[in-house]
Protein backbone atom coordinates (compact mmCIF):
# COMPACT_ATOMS: atom_id res chain seq x y z
CA UNK A 1 -15.11 15.83 -13.11
CA UNK A 2 -15.40 12.29 -11.68
CA UNK A 3 -17.14 9.62 -13.46
CA UNK A 4 -19.42 7.41 -11.51
CA UNK A 5 -19.21 3.45 -11.48
CA UNK A 6 -21.18 1.56 -13.83
CA UNK A 7 -23.52 -0.01 -11.57
CA UNK A 8 -24.55 0.99 -7.95
CA UNK A 9 -26.46 -1.40 -5.81
CA UNK A 10 -27.93 -0.88 -2.30
CA UNK A 11 -28.98 -3.72 -0.01
CA UNK A 12 -31.13 -2.65 2.93
CA UNK A 13 -30.29 -4.13 6.28
CA UNK A 14 -32.63 -3.31 9.06
CA UNK A 15 -31.09 -2.37 12.46
CA UNK A 16 -27.51 -2.76 11.15
CA UNK A 17 -24.86 -0.97 13.08
CA UNK A 18 -22.84 0.03 10.13
CA UNK A 19 -22.83 -0.20 6.36
CA UNK A 20 -20.68 -2.58 4.33
CA UNK A 21 -19.13 -0.98 1.15
CA UNK A 22 -17.57 -3.13 -1.73
CA UNK A 23 -16.40 -1.55 -4.94
CA UNK A 24 -15.03 -3.85 -7.62
CA UNK A 25 -14.97 -5.70 -11.00
CA UNK A 26 -13.71 -8.75 -12.61
CA UNK A 27 -10.35 -8.22 -14.19
CA UNK A 28 -7.43 -9.97 -15.89
CA UNK A 29 -6.26 -13.33 -14.99
CA UNK A 30 -3.12 -14.42 -13.13
CA UNK A 31 -1.29 -15.13 -16.33
CA UNK A 32 -1.78 -11.69 -17.84
CA UNK A 33 1.49 -9.79 -18.13
CA UNK A 34 -0.05 -6.85 -16.11
CA UNK A 35 -1.41 -8.93 -13.29
CA UNK A 36 1.80 -8.60 -11.06
CA UNK A 37 2.24 -4.83 -11.52
CA UNK A 38 -1.57 -4.45 -10.99
CA UNK A 39 -1.08 -6.38 -7.68
CA UNK A 40 1.51 -3.70 -6.66
CA UNK A 41 -0.84 -0.75 -7.61
CA UNK A 42 -3.80 -2.44 -5.75
CA UNK A 43 -1.41 -2.69 -2.63
CA UNK A 44 -0.46 0.85 -3.06
CA UNK A 45 -4.15 1.92 -3.14
CA UNK A 46 -5.34 0.03 -0.20
CA UNK A 47 -3.45 -3.40 0.40
CA UNK A 48 -1.53 -2.33 3.55
CA UNK A 49 -1.53 -0.18 6.60
CA UNK A 50 0.45 2.61 4.69
CA UNK A 51 -1.52 2.57 1.66
CA UNK A 52 -3.38 5.70 0.41
CA UNK A 53 -6.94 4.60 1.35
CA UNK A 54 -5.90 3.58 4.86
CA UNK A 55 -3.94 6.74 5.31
CA UNK A 56 -6.87 9.07 3.82
CA UNK A 57 -10.06 7.31 4.73
CA UNK A 58 -8.86 5.83 8.15
CA UNK A 59 -6.13 7.93 9.59
CA UNK A 60 -6.90 11.54 8.14
CA UNK A 61 -10.66 11.47 7.67
CA UNK A 62 -11.67 8.80 10.44
CA UNK A 63 -14.47 7.45 8.17
CA UNK A 64 -13.60 3.64 9.02
CA UNK A 65 -11.46 1.49 11.20
CA UNK A 66 -10.21 -0.34 8.07
CA UNK A 67 -10.57 -0.11 4.40
CA UNK A 68 -8.78 -2.66 2.03
CA UNK A 69 -8.13 -3.22 -1.70
CA UNK A 70 -7.02 -6.66 -3.17
CA UNK A 71 -6.82 -8.73 -6.25
CA UNK A 72 -8.64 -12.11 -5.31
CA UNK A 73 -7.73 -14.73 -7.81
CA UNK A 74 -10.57 -17.05 -9.19
CA UNK A 75 -10.02 -19.71 -11.73
CA UNK A 76 -10.40 -17.55 -14.87
CA UNK A 77 -9.51 -14.10 -13.56
CA UNK A 78 -8.94 -11.72 -10.58
CA UNK A 79 -11.48 -9.98 -8.62
CA UNK A 80 -10.53 -6.40 -7.97
CA UNK A 81 -12.16 -5.30 -4.61
CA UNK A 82 -12.17 -2.45 -2.40
CA UNK A 83 -13.93 -3.14 0.86
CA UNK A 84 -14.85 -1.32 4.04
CA UNK A 85 -17.37 -1.09 7.00
CA UNK A 86 -18.31 2.33 8.17
CA UNK A 87 -20.97 4.28 9.97
CA UNK A 88 -24.09 5.05 7.84
CA UNK A 89 -23.56 8.56 7.78
CA UNK A 90 -19.78 8.08 6.41
CA UNK A 91 -20.82 5.95 3.31
CA UNK A 92 -21.11 8.77 0.80
CA UNK A 93 -17.86 10.62 2.06
CA UNK A 94 -16.08 7.27 1.93
CA UNK A 95 -17.06 6.51 -1.58
CA UNK A 96 -16.08 10.01 -2.58
CA UNK A 97 -12.58 9.77 -1.12
CA UNK A 98 -12.16 6.29 -2.75
CA UNK A 99 -12.91 7.74 -6.32
CA UNK A 100 -10.81 10.88 -5.42
CA UNK A 101 -7.87 8.63 -4.55
CA UNK A 102 -8.24 6.49 -7.94
CA UNK A 103 -8.32 10.00 -9.73
CA UNK A 104 -5.11 10.87 -8.11
CA UNK A 105 -3.44 7.75 -9.35
CA UNK A 106 -4.60 8.19 -12.68
CA UNK A 107 -3.67 11.96 -12.94
CA UNK A 108 -0.27 11.99 -10.93
CA UNK A 109 2.62 9.80 -10.83
CA UNK A 110 3.41 8.27 -7.56
CA UNK A 111 6.36 9.81 -5.68
CA UNK A 112 9.59 7.97 -5.09
CA UNK A 113 9.05 7.74 -1.32
CA UNK A 114 5.65 5.94 -1.51
CA UNK A 115 6.93 3.73 -4.32
CA UNK A 116 9.85 2.86 -1.87
CA UNK A 117 7.56 2.30 0.90
CA UNK A 118 5.11 -0.05 -1.24
CA UNK A 119 8.32 -2.01 -2.56
CA UNK A 120 9.59 -2.67 0.85
CA UNK A 121 6.38 -3.87 2.07
CA UNK A 122 5.67 -6.18 -0.88
CA UNK A 123 9.33 -7.63 -0.86
CA UNK A 124 8.91 -8.26 3.05
CA UNK A 125 5.52 -9.72 2.38
CA UNK A 126 7.01 -11.92 -0.44
CA UNK A 127 10.00 -12.92 2.05
CA UNK A 128 7.16 -14.26 4.47
CA UNK A 129 6.05 -16.59 1.76
CA UNK A 130 9.27 -18.53 2.40
CA UNK A 131 9.62 -18.12 6.23
CA UNK A 132 8.47 -21.73 7.15
CA UNK A 133 7.55 -25.02 5.59
CA UNK A 134 3.88 -24.55 5.84
CA UNK A 135 4.09 -21.08 4.14
CA UNK A 136 6.56 -22.44 1.51
CA UNK A 137 4.09 -25.25 0.81
CA UNK A 138 1.16 -22.86 0.48
CA UNK A 139 3.23 -20.73 -2.07
CA UNK A 140 4.00 -23.73 -4.41
CA UNK A 141 0.24 -25.03 -4.02
CA UNK A 142 -0.89 -21.73 -5.29
CA UNK A 143 1.73 -21.72 -8.10
CA UNK A 144 0.66 -25.14 -9.26
CA UNK A 145 -2.98 -24.74 -8.73
CA UNK A 146 -3.14 -21.47 -10.67
CA UNK A 147 -1.12 -22.92 -13.57
CA UNK A 148 1.82 -20.37 -13.02
CA UNK A 149 5.59 -20.81 -14.02
CA UNK A 150 7.87 -22.17 -11.39
CA UNK A 151 9.61 -18.79 -11.67
CA UNK A 152 6.48 -16.97 -10.37
CA UNK A 153 7.91 -15.49 -7.10
CA UNK A 154 11.21 -14.71 -8.82
CA UNK A 155 9.02 -12.85 -11.51
CA UNK A 156 7.12 -11.19 -8.81
CA UNK A 157 10.35 -9.98 -6.90
CA UNK A 158 11.65 -8.46 -10.21
CA UNK A 159 8.27 -6.86 -10.91
CA UNK A 160 8.27 -5.20 -7.38
CA UNK A 161 11.71 -4.03 -8.11
CA UNK A 162 11.35 -2.74 -11.61
CA UNK A 163 7.78 -1.24 -11.82
CA UNK A 164 7.93 2.50 -12.31
CA UNK A 165 5.64 5.41 -11.34
CA UNK A 166 4.77 5.70 -14.85
CA UNK A 167 3.79 2.05 -14.96
CA UNK A 168 1.53 2.45 -12.06
CA UNK A 169 -0.21 5.28 -13.58
CA UNK A 170 -0.83 3.58 -16.84
CA UNK A 171 -2.20 0.76 -14.90
CA UNK A 172 -4.42 2.97 -12.87
CA UNK A 173 -5.85 4.55 -16.13
CA UNK A 174 -6.56 1.04 -17.53
CA UNK A 175 -7.83 -1.02 -14.71
CA UNK A 176 -9.20 1.51 -12.29
CA UNK A 177 -11.59 3.05 -14.81
CA UNK A 178 -14.43 4.07 -12.59
CA UNK A 179 -17.17 3.56 -14.95
CA UNK A 180 -16.20 -0.19 -15.15
CA UNK A 181 -16.49 -0.50 -11.28
CA UNK A 182 -19.71 -1.93 -9.45
CA UNK A 183 -20.57 -0.39 -6.09
CA UNK A 184 -22.55 -2.36 -3.61
CA UNK A 185 -23.58 -0.92 -0.21
CA UNK A 186 -25.43 -2.86 2.46
CA UNK A 187 -26.94 -1.13 5.39
CA UNK A 188 -29.58 1.23 6.58
CA UNK A 189 -30.99 3.83 4.20
CA UNK A 190 -30.04 7.59 5.01
CA UNK A 191 -32.90 9.35 6.58
């Protein structure tokens, strides 16, 4: 049986065309040893076009044009967020599918094909960090403003290469615990 999020909030927006859904929580900081592999898990969940949420919620079910998950760094921690906009009638099915995908990540290990795909995506994305002088300077500004070691990008590459399906399952159980999440929906009330 699925557990529900710790808090649910609804904000009525009269005459809105669609609803905005945000699920999230404050989580570990960028210096925590789980941060880099957690970034990999969140990418696998909804951080790129081939992710579980994009495949299930967008491609298979058609509830939304886009759904994303991310770790957004703040000075003291990371904000773990899952975000989407959808027609009002798809809010509950979309939420149900998000929680279903979280359940799957907690209960079943990621397959080797999916792990290879997310590794390739993340390694390509990391390579883009160094593809011009502007992106390179942005990368180093990020490292220094966050207080990260100079080896951060090398460490991230190693994390991408070495994180296992068992690691991802452990992280899903630890950091995607539904009763620790907050759910916010802004849109029209259901009739």
